[in-house]
């Protein structure tokens, strides 16, 4: 896949599946680094930002969607910390986290998150909460560290069988395909436990910085003002764009792998408590009515499909929320987390 194709796929994914968060103008270079929320943890030559609050035997661990940050969970973290421990973090290259080894595969991301938790003394059992692309990442985490995961909440999660758009390099025309069909059949790179000498940045993936005035768009304007300011700083950092773009380098191959494994084992989570929290408001732009109908029906079908990952499942529709339910309706996310924690604590079925 050449660079033009990569950016084409990313832009259409944003339009059709709302996987990438709304854009925000860049901030001037002379803005001071805000005080860190939590701490930095070394995971093998680079450090990740980890912010844990609250107390409890079960630790809730969040995984953000494409381009999003740890503090985007602020409204949820504040409430969850009242009844158990919760850790939010930033993937390598995001906010305070240092750049990590390339490519940024979901396996690499899961390995680094697990390493950060262990290095910080955060012990299982974990209840994983993943939004959008983060939903796929926590499933990879659960596959790698199954015995440490006690429950899961998928927040309007991506699905390995969903539709995305690509741009044909020859015709420059867009078309809708299954995400797994973007695979080129390349072997997925192995996990890297240490930072290579070449570092974790790739200058060919850098984007041009904007000179426009910083601005926060919906739904991030629901965050407290001090968190909005941190977000403006975070999107201006030089490692941010290379990191978030590199997360899509092998996404086709990874999605295809997850799809094939799913065909072999439908209930891969066994009877683990699982809540699928789905948006009730569609955010697709004005397009052809037939295309919109297909995308909406596909999303609704695949949200139901995610419940079949576990025999102990429940789907909840956040009726007034768009894709970022943790911002539009944080109470529904908090309640879903509480239900899963209680079910895991008592080894019971979700009611």
Foldseek 3Di string as FASTA:
>chain_A
DDPVQLVQQVVQCCQQVVQADDDWAAADPPDDQDDAQADWFDQAAWTWRKHKAAADQEEEEEFETQLDAQCLLVLQQVVLNVPHMYMGIGFDLFRPTHFAAPLQELLQRLSSVVSRCVRVVNAAQYEYEYAACGLVSVVSNCVVVVVNYQYYEYQLYDALQAKTWTADPVVRDIDIDGLLVVAPPDDDDDHDRHGDPVGRADVVQWDDHGPDHTDDDPPSVLRPPVVVVSSSNRVNDRSSRRRSSSHCVRVSVVSNVVVVVCVVPVQQSEAREYEYEHEQDEDNDDDPPVSVVVSVVRSVVVSVSVQSNYPQYYYHYPNQDYRSCSRVPVVVVNVSVVQNVVCSVVVHGRD
